[in-house]
Amino acid sequence: MCRWWKEIEVLIVTGATTGKVEANNTGIKRTARGRRNPGNYKSVILMRNAVRTAA
């Protein structure tokens, strides 16, 4: 508890969590799984995010 007190205090005061960031990271990993070419990997991630923001 003492080790994480600073983070706990920030959560209590601001109510901010990393839930959305972690969800996006998981989605990116799932979407781009199996891509070996860095250009294709980046393209898939950008297309996925564009579709999500347009919808």
N, C-alpha and C. Protein backbone atom coordinates (compact mmCIF):
# COMPACT_ATOMS: atom_id res chain seq x y z
N MET A 1 0.82 -1.19 0.00
CA MET A 1 0.00 0.00 0.00
C MET A 1 0.87 1.26 0.00
N CYS A 2 1.90 1.26 0.83
CA CYS A 2 2.78 2.43 0.89
C CYS A 2 3.51 2.65 -0.44
N ARG A 3 3.82 1.55 -1.09
CA ARG A 3 4.55 1.63 -2.35
C ARG A 3 3.73 2.36 -3.42
N TRP A 4 2.42 2.15 -3.45
CA TRP A 4 1.55 2.71 -4.48
C TRP A 4 0.77 3.92 -4.01
N TRP A 5 1.09 4.49 -2.86
CA TRP A 5 0.25 5.55 -2.31
C TRP A 5 0.13 6.75 -3.24
N LYS A 6 1.23 7.16 -3.90
CA LYS A 6 1.17 8.32 -4.80
C LYS A 6 0.14 8.09 -5.91
N GLU A 7 0.15 6.90 -6.51
CA GLU A 7 -0.81 6.59 -7.57
C GLU A 7 -2.23 6.51 -7.05
N ILE A 8 -2.40 5.95 -5.87
CA ILE A 8 -3.74 5.86 -5.26
C ILE A 8 -4.28 7.25 -4.98
N GLU A 9 -3.43 8.12 -4.49
CA GLU A 9 -3.85 9.49 -4.19
C GLU A 9 -4.28 10.23 -5.46
N VAL A 10 -3.54 10.05 -6.55
CA VAL A 10 -3.91 10.68 -7.82
C VAL A 10 -5.27 10.17 -8.28
N LEU A 11 -5.51 8.87 -8.15
CA LEU A 11 -6.80 8.30 -8.52
C LEU A 11 -7.93 8.91 -7.70
N ILE A 12 -7.72 9.04 -6.41
CA ILE A 12 -8.76 9.59 -5.53
C ILE A 12 -9.04 11.04 -5.87
N VAL A 13 -8.00 11.82 -6.09
CA VAL A 13 -8.17 13.25 -6.33
C VAL A 13 -8.74 13.53 -7.72
N THR A 14 -8.19 12.88 -8.75
CA THR A 14 -8.58 13.21 -10.13
C THR A 14 -9.60 12.26 -10.73
N GLY A 15 -9.65 11.04 -10.26
CA GLY A 15 -10.54 10.05 -10.84
C GLY A 15 -10.02 9.50 -12.16
N ALA A 16 -8.77 9.85 -12.52
CA ALA A 16 -8.19 9.42 -13.78
C ALA A 16 -7.61 8.01 -13.66
N THR A 17 -7.86 7.20 -14.68
CA THR A 17 -7.28 5.86 -14.73
C THR A 17 -6.65 5.66 -16.10
N THR A 18 -5.96 4.56 -16.26
CA THR A 18 -5.34 4.24 -17.54
C THR A 18 -6.18 3.22 -18.32
N GLY A 19 -7.42 3.07 -17.95
CA GLY A 19 -8.28 2.07 -18.57
C GLY A 19 -8.42 2.23 -20.07
N LYS A 20 -8.64 3.45 -20.55
CA LYS A 20 -8.81 3.68 -21.98
C LYS A 20 -7.52 3.40 -22.74
N VAL A 21 -6.40 3.79 -22.17
CA VAL A 21 -5.11 3.55 -22.82
C VAL A 21 -4.85 2.05 -22.91
N GLU A 22 -5.10 1.33 -21.84
CA GLU A 22 -4.88 -0.12 -21.84
C GLU A 22 -5.81 -0.81 -22.84
N ALA A 23 -7.04 -0.35 -22.95
CA ALA A 23 -7.98 -0.92 -23.92
C ALA A 23 -7.50 -0.70 -25.35
N ASN A 24 -6.98 0.50 -25.63
CA ASN A 24 -6.46 0.78 -26.96
C ASN A 24 -5.24 -0.08 -27.27
N ASN A 25 -4.35 -0.23 -26.29
CA ASN A 25 -3.17 -1.07 -26.50
C ASN A 25 -3.57 -2.51 -26.81
N THR A 26 -4.54 -3.03 -26.10
CA THR A 26 -4.99 -4.40 -26.34
C THR A 26 -5.60 -4.53 -27.73
N GLY A 27 -6.41 -3.54 -28.12
CA GLY A 27 -7.01 -3.56 -29.45
C GLY A 27 -5.98 -3.50 -30.55
N ILE A 28 -4.95 -2.68 -30.36
CA ILE A 28 -3.88 -2.56 -31.36
C ILE A 28 -3.15 -3.89 -31.49
N LYS A 29 -2.84 -4.49 -30.37
CA LYS A 29 -2.13 -5.77 -30.40
C LYS A 29 -2.94 -6.83 -31.12
N ARG A 30 -4.25 -6.86 -30.87
CA ARG A 30 -5.11 -7.85 -31.54
C ARG A 30 -5.21 -7.58 -33.03
N THR A 31 -5.40 -6.32 -33.39
CA THR A 31 -5.60 -5.95 -34.78
C THR A 31 -4.35 -6.21 -35.62
N ALA A 32 -3.20 -5.88 -35.08
CA ALA A 32 -1.97 -5.94 -35.86
C ALA A 32 -1.22 -7.25 -35.67
N ARG A 33 -1.81 -8.20 -35.03
CA ARG A 33 -1.15 -9.48 -34.78
C ARG A 33 -0.78 -10.15 -36.10
N GLY A 34 0.45 -10.64 -36.17
CA GLY A 34 0.90 -11.37 -37.34
C GLY A 34 1.53 -10.51 -38.41
N ARG A 35 1.51 -9.20 -38.28
CA ARG A 35 2.12 -8.32 -39.27
C ARG A 35 3.62 -8.27 -39.02
N ARG A 36 4.40 -8.53 -40.05
CA ARG A 36 5.86 -8.51 -39.89
C ARG A 36 6.46 -7.23 -40.46
N ASN A 37 5.81 -6.66 -41.44
CA ASN A 37 6.30 -5.45 -42.07
C ASN A 37 5.88 -4.25 -41.21
N PRO A 38 6.83 -3.43 -40.72
CA PRO A 38 6.47 -2.29 -39.88
C PRO A 38 5.52 -1.30 -40.56
N GLY A 39 5.65 -1.16 -41.88
CA GLY A 39 4.75 -0.26 -42.61
C GLY A 39 3.32 -0.76 -42.58
N ASN A 40 3.13 -2.07 -42.78
CA ASN A 40 1.79 -2.66 -42.73
C ASN A 40 1.21 -2.56 -41.32
N TYR A 41 2.06 -2.80 -40.33
CA TYR A 41 1.64 -2.72 -38.93
C TYR A 41 1.09 -1.33 -38.63
N LYS A 42 1.85 -0.31 -39.04
CA LYS A 42 1.43 1.07 -38.80
C LYS A 42 0.14 1.39 -39.56
N SER A 43 0.04 0.93 -40.79
CA SER A 43 -1.15 1.20 -41.61
C SER A 43 -2.40 0.59 -40.98
N VAL A 44 -2.29 -0.63 -40.49
CA VAL A 44 -3.44 -1.30 -39.87
C VAL A 44 -3.88 -0.54 -38.63
N ILE A 45 -2.93 -0.11 -37.82
CA ILE A 45 -3.27 0.64 -36.61
C ILE A 45 -3.95 1.96 -36.96
N LEU A 46 -3.41 2.68 -37.94
CA LEU A 46 -4.00 3.97 -38.33
C LEU A 46 -5.39 3.80 -38.92
N MET A 47 -5.58 2.76 -39.75
CA MET A 47 -6.91 2.52 -40.32
C MET A 47 -7.92 2.17 -39.24
N ARG A 48 -7.50 1.35 -38.29
CA ARG A 48 -8.39 0.95 -37.20
C ARG A 48 -8.84 2.17 -36.40
N ASN A 49 -7.89 3.06 -36.09
CA ASN A 49 -8.24 4.25 -35.32
C ASN A 49 -9.12 5.20 -36.14
N ALA A 50 -8.89 5.30 -37.44
CA ALA A 50 -9.70 6.17 -38.29
C ALA A 50 -11.15 5.66 -38.33
N VAL A 51 -11.33 4.35 -38.41
CA VAL A 51 -12.67 3.79 -38.44
C VAL A 51 -13.38 4.04 -37.12
N ARG A 52 -12.66 3.89 -36.02
CA ARG A 52 -13.27 4.08 -34.70
C ARG A 52 -13.69 5.53 -34.48
N THR A 53 -12.89 6.50 -34.96
CA THR A 53 -13.24 7.90 -34.76
C THR A 53 -14.34 8.35 -35.71
N ALA A 54 -14.43 7.73 -36.90
CA ALA A 54 -15.46 8.10 -37.86
C ALA A 54 -16.83 7.54 -37.48
N ALA A 55 -16.83 6.44 -36.79
CA ALA A 55 -18.10 5.78 -36.45
C ALA A 55 -18.82 6.43 -35.30
